[in-house]
Amino acid sequence: EGRLAVSDGRDSGSGSVTWEQDGVYYSIQLRAPVSGQSWRLSGDDALCTLEGLRPYPLTADSPEQLLIRELGWHLPVAPLREWLQGRPMAADTPVERDVEGRVIGFDEAGWRIDYRDFRDGRPARIQARKPPYQVRLAIKSWVALP
């Protein structure tokens, strides 16, 4: 759980976010602070569904393309699964580490990833940039489910 902010260099959006991950299945819920509007993106590697924007669910085979089409957001959903854990998608991606050995940054899939803060060994602030796009996550809490 935390806060998410996205920008394309002109427009931006933000809100509280809850991200649930179970293997390849994900469910991302976002609630806008002012309007109270909320939507939910869920799916796996083959199909995704966006609910809450229209009276009916929207589906696509790519969450990134669905979010670009419907919200204008460039949110790298597949890589974020790994980036949220403090690691790149590819094991051979060169990483930068701090004096404690934690990953503090790397470049992957055209994005620059920086970790700004850690709590209990996990990233607490993540910034991903691919000009003109930017995604910022402030993680409030982690819950590991059995």
C-alpha atoms as a PDB file:
ATOM      1  CA  GLU A   1       0.000   0.000   0.000  1.00  0.00           C
ATOM      2  CA  GLY A   2       1.145   3.510  -0.671  1.00  0.00           C
ATOM      3  CA  ARG A   3       0.923   6.462  -3.026  1.00  0.00           C
ATOM      4  CA  LEU A   4       1.445   6.554  -6.775  1.00  0.00           C
ATOM      5  CA  ALA A   5       2.126   9.571  -8.981  1.00  0.00           C
ATOM      6  CA  VAL A   6       2.533   9.504 -12.768  1.00  0.00           C
ATOM      7  CA  SER A   7       3.443  12.259 -15.211  1.00  0.00           C
ATOM      8  CA  ASP A   8       3.956  12.567 -18.948  1.00  0.00           C
ATOM      9  CA  GLY A   9       5.711  15.925 -18.681  1.00  0.00           C
ATOM     10  CA  ARG A  10       2.447  17.849 -19.211  1.00  0.00           C
ATOM     11  CA  ASP A  11      -0.295  16.082 -17.287  1.00  0.00           C
ATOM     12  CA  SER A  12      -0.080  14.122 -14.088  1.00  0.00           C
ATOM     13  CA  GLY A  13      -2.190  11.979 -11.822  1.00  0.00           C
ATOM     14  CA  SER A  14      -1.816  10.565  -8.356  1.00  0.00           C
ATOM     15  CA  GLY A  15      -3.603   8.627  -5.697  1.00  0.00           C
ATOM     16  CA  SER A  16      -3.432   5.958  -3.074  1.00  0.00           C
ATOM     17  CA  VAL A  17      -2.524   2.554  -4.423  1.00  0.00           C
ATOM     18  CA  THR A  18      -2.905  -1.029  -3.254  1.00  0.00           C
ATOM     19  CA  TRP A  19      -0.926  -3.580  -5.247  1.00  0.00           C
ATOM     20  CA  GLU A  20      -1.525  -7.274  -4.686  1.00  0.00           C
ATOM     21  CA  GLN A  21       0.697  -9.840  -6.383  1.00  0.00           C
ATOM     22  CA  ASP A  22       0.291 -13.619  -6.446  1.00  0.00           C
ATOM     23  CA  GLY A  23       2.752 -15.155  -8.889  1.00  0.00           C
ATOM     24  CA  VAL A  24       1.985 -13.594 -12.276  1.00  0.00           C
ATOM     25  CA  TYR A  25      -1.502 -12.447 -11.190  1.00  0.00           C
ATOM     26  CA  TYR A  26      -1.747  -8.812 -10.055  1.00  0.00           C
ATOM     27  CA  SER A  27      -4.461  -6.495  -8.824  1.00  0.00           C
ATOM     28  CA  ILE A  28      -3.734  -2.771  -8.651  1.00  0.00           C
ATOM     29  CA  GLN A  29      -6.330  -0.487  -7.093  1.00  0.00           C
ATOM     30  CA  LEU A  30      -5.976   3.295  -7.281  1.00  0.00           C
ATOM     31  CA  ARG A  31      -8.091   5.961  -5.604  1.00  0.00           C
ATOM     32  CA  ALA A  32      -7.778   9.628  -6.611  1.00  0.00           C
ATOM     33  CA  PRO A  33      -7.504  11.988  -3.608  1.00  0.00           C
ATOM     34  CA  VAL A  34      -9.804  14.816  -4.731  1.00  0.00           C
ATOM     35  CA  SER A  35     -12.459  13.152  -6.880  1.00  0.00           C
ATOM     36  CA  GLY A  36     -12.529   9.907  -4.941  1.00  0.00           C
ATOM     37  CA  GLN A  37     -12.695   8.080  -8.279  1.00  0.00           C
ATOM     38  CA  SER A  38     -11.163   4.642  -8.162  1.00  0.00           C
ATOM     39  CA  TRP A  39     -10.231   2.012 -10.681  1.00  0.00           C
ATOM     40  CA  ARG A  40      -8.778  -1.468 -10.603  1.00  0.00           C
ATOM     41  CA  LEU A  41      -6.346  -3.078 -13.016  1.00  0.00           C
ATOM     42  CA  SER A  42      -5.981  -6.838 -12.705  1.00  0.00           C
ATOM     43  CA  GLY A  43      -4.623  -9.655 -14.787  1.00  0.00           C
ATOM     44  CA  ASP A  44      -1.675 -11.832 -15.591  1.00  0.00           C
ATOM     45  CA  ASP A  45       0.843 -12.212 -18.426  1.00  0.00           C
ATOM     46  CA  ALA A  46      -1.893 -13.022 -20.970  1.00  0.00           C
ATOM     47  CA  LEU A  47      -4.882 -10.762 -20.233  1.00  0.00           C
ATOM     48  CA  CYS A  48      -5.712  -7.694 -18.143  1.00  0.00           C
ATOM     49  CA  THR A  49      -8.926  -5.960 -17.114  1.00  0.00           C
ATOM     50  CA  LEU A  50      -9.489  -2.329 -16.149  1.00  0.00           C
ATOM     51  CA  GLU A  51     -12.602  -1.614 -14.076  1.00  0.00           C
ATOM     52  CA  GLY A  52     -14.036   1.639 -12.768  1.00  0.00           C
ATOM     53  CA  LEU A  53     -13.562   3.984 -15.745  1.00  0.00           C
ATOM     54  CA  ARG A  54     -16.633   2.907 -17.671  1.00  0.00           C
ATOM     55  CA  PRO A  55     -19.818   1.079 -16.710  1.00  0.00           C
ATOM     56  CA  TYR A  56     -18.239  -2.082 -18.168  1.00  0.00           C
ATOM     57  CA  PRO A  57     -14.789  -3.674 -17.780  1.00  0.00           C
ATOM     58  CA  LEU A  58     -12.128  -2.982 -20.419  1.00  0.00           C
ATOM     59  CA  THR A  59      -9.745  -5.755 -21.440  1.00  0.00           C
ATOM     60  CA  ALA A  60      -6.485  -6.018 -23.358  1.00  0.00           C
ATOM     61  CA  ASP A  61      -3.493  -8.296 -23.616  1.00  0.00           C
ATOM     62  CA  SER A  62      -1.116  -5.575 -22.337  1.00  0.00           C
ATOM     63  CA  PRO A  63      -1.699  -3.551 -19.154  1.00  0.00           C
ATOM     64  CA  GLU A  64       0.727  -0.896 -20.390  1.00  0.00           C
ATOM     65  CA  GLN A  65      -1.199  -0.376 -23.643  1.00  0.00           C
ATOM     66  CA  LEU A  66      -4.559  -0.436 -21.849  1.00  0.00           C
ATOM     67  CA  LEU A  67      -3.442   2.289 -19.411  1.00  0.00           C
ATOM     68  CA  ILE A  68      -1.967   4.404 -22.202  1.00  0.00           C
ATOM     69  CA  ARG A  69      -5.166   4.093 -24.238  1.00  0.00           C
ATOM     70  CA  GLU A  70      -7.616   4.759 -21.409  1.00  0.00           C
ATOM     71  CA  LEU A  71      -5.732   7.050 -19.006  1.00  0.00           C
ATOM     72  CA  GLY A  72      -2.755   8.316 -20.989  1.00  0.00           C
ATOM     73  CA  TRP A  73      -0.520   6.812 -18.290  1.00  0.00           C
ATOM     74  CA  HIS A  74       2.820   5.199 -19.074  1.00  0.00           C
ATOM     75  CA  LEU A  75       3.017   2.751 -16.186  1.00  0.00           C
ATOM     76  CA  PRO A  76       5.424  -0.175 -16.743  1.00  0.00           C
ATOM     77  CA  VAL A  77       3.307  -2.763 -14.900  1.00  0.00           C
ATOM     78  CA  ALA A  78       5.343  -5.897 -15.715  1.00  0.00           C
ATOM     79  CA  PRO A  79       8.728  -4.416 -14.743  1.00  0.00           C
ATOM     80  CA  LEU A  80       7.238  -2.748 -11.653  1.00  0.00           C
ATOM     81  CA  ARG A  81       6.545  -6.194 -10.189  1.00  0.00           C
ATOM     82  CA  GLU A  82      10.292  -6.670  -9.836  1.00  0.00           C
ATOM     83  CA  TRP A  83      11.222  -3.019  -9.296  1.00  0.00           C
ATOM     84  CA  LEU A  84       8.930  -2.867  -6.251  1.00  0.00           C
ATOM     85  CA  GLN A  85      11.034  -5.642  -4.739  1.00  0.00           C
ATOM     86  CA  GLY A  86      14.223  -3.617  -5.271  1.00  0.00           C
ATOM     87  CA  ARG A  87      15.567  -5.591  -8.211  1.00  0.00           C
ATOM     88  CA  PRO A  88      15.676  -5.394 -12.007  1.00  0.00           C
ATOM     89  CA  MET A  89      13.732  -7.830 -14.183  1.00  0.00           C
ATOM     90  CA  ALA A  90      16.891  -9.275 -15.759  1.00  0.00           C
ATOM     91  CA  ALA A  91      19.429 -10.821 -13.388  1.00  0.00           C
ATOM     92  CA  ASP A  92      22.342  -9.554 -15.512  1.00  0.00           C
ATOM     93  CA  THR A  93      21.278  -5.867 -15.369  1.00  0.00           C
ATOM     94  CA  PRO A  94      24.105  -3.816 -13.802  1.00  0.00           C
ATOM     95  CA  VAL A  95      22.959  -2.212 -10.541  1.00  0.00           C
ATOM     96  CA  GLU A  96      24.277   0.551  -8.278  1.00  0.00           C
ATOM     97  CA  ARG A  97      24.493  -0.243  -4.562  1.00  0.00           C
ATOM     98  CA  ASP A  98      24.848   1.832  -1.414  1.00  0.00           C
ATOM     99  CA  VAL A  99      27.418   1.165   1.319  1.00  0.00           C
ATOM    100  CA  GLU A 100      25.035  -1.337   2.922  1.00  0.00           C
ATOM    101  CA  GLY A 101      24.796  -3.335  -0.327  1.00  0.00           C
ATOM    102  CA  ARG A 102      21.213  -2.340  -1.154  1.00  0.00           C
ATOM    103  CA  VAL A 103      20.315  -1.682  -4.776  1.00  0.00           C
ATOM    104  CA  ILE A 104      19.833   2.076  -5.191  1.00  0.00           C
ATOM    105  CA  GLY A 105      19.504   2.350  -8.967  1.00  0.00           C
ATOM    106  CA  PHE A 106      19.738   0.827 -12.420  1.00  0.00           C
ATOM    107  CA  ASP A 107      18.655   1.318 -16.029  1.00  0.00           C
ATOM    108  CA  GLU A 108      16.253  -1.183 -17.574  1.00  0.00           C
ATOM    109  CA  ALA A 109      13.758  -1.327 -20.445  1.00  0.00           C
ATOM    110  CA  GLY A 110      14.517   2.320 -21.258  1.00  0.00           C
ATOM    111  CA  TRP A 111      13.674   3.431 -17.697  1.00  0.00           C
ATOM    112  CA  ARG A 112      15.978   4.830 -15.009  1.00  0.00           C
ATOM    113  CA  ILE A 113      15.040   3.393 -11.604  1.00  0.00           C
ATOM    114  CA  ASP A 114      16.140   5.082  -8.357  1.00  0.00           C
ATOM    115  CA  TYR A 115      15.425   3.974  -4.811  1.00  0.00           C
ATOM    116  CA  ARG A 116      15.321   6.867  -2.374  1.00  0.00           C
ATOM    117  CA  ASP A 117      14.530   5.265   0.961  1.00  0.00           C
ATOM    118  CA  PHE A 118      14.349   1.828   2.571  1.00  0.00           C
ATOM    119  CA  ARG A 119      12.285   0.372   5.393  1.00  0.00           C
ATOM    120  CA  ASP A 120      12.874  -3.106   6.807  1.00  0.00           C
ATOM    121  CA  GLY A 121      15.207  -3.891   3.898  1.00  0.00           C
ATOM    122  CA  ARG A 122      12.616  -3.036   1.234  1.00  0.00           C
ATOM    123  CA  PRO A 123      12.321   0.052  -0.953  1.00  0.00           C
ATOM    124  CA  ALA A 124      10.055   2.741   0.504  1.00  0.00           C
ATOM    125  CA  ARG A 125      10.419   5.325  -2.301  1.00  0.00           C
ATOM    126  CA  ILE A 126      10.854   4.445  -5.949  1.00  0.00           C
ATOM    127  CA  GLN A 127      11.231   6.770  -8.901  1.00  0.00           C
ATOM    128  CA  ALA A 128      11.142   5.484 -12.491  1.00  0.00           C
ATOM    129  CA  ARG A 129      11.915   7.901 -15.330  1.00  0.00           C
ATOM    130  CA  LYS A 130      11.766   7.496 -19.088  1.00  0.00           C
ATOM    131  CA  PRO A 131      11.603  11.078 -20.372  1.00  0.00           C
ATOM    132  CA  PRO A 132       9.123  12.630 -20.554  1.00  0.00           C
ATOM    133  CA  TYR A 133       7.427  10.006 -18.351  1.00  0.00           C
ATOM    134  CA  GLN A 134       7.866   9.645 -14.623  1.00  0.00           C
ATOM    135  CA  VAL A 135       6.390   7.261 -12.056  1.00  0.00           C
ATOM    136  CA  ARG A 136       6.865   7.749  -8.313  1.00  0.00           C
ATOM    137  CA  LEU A 137       5.834   5.318  -5.608  1.00  0.00           C
ATOM    138  CA  ALA A 138       5.886   5.950  -1.870  1.00  0.00           C
ATOM    139  CA  ILE A 139       5.285   2.654  -0.115  1.00  0.00           C
ATOM    140  CA  LYS A 140       3.489   2.943   3.199  1.00  0.00           C
ATOM    141  CA  SER A 141       3.322  -0.725   4.130  1.00  0.00           C
ATOM    142  CA  TRP A 142       4.142  -4.223   2.931  1.00  0.00           C
ATOM    143  CA  VAL A 143       2.069  -7.259   3.794  1.00  0.00           C
ATOM    144  CA  ALA A 144       3.304 -10.748   2.911  1.00  0.00           C
ATOM    145  CA  LEU A 145       0.398 -13.145   2.657  1.00  0.00           C
ATOM    146  CA  PRO A 146       0.791 -16.909   3.152  1.00  0.00           C
END
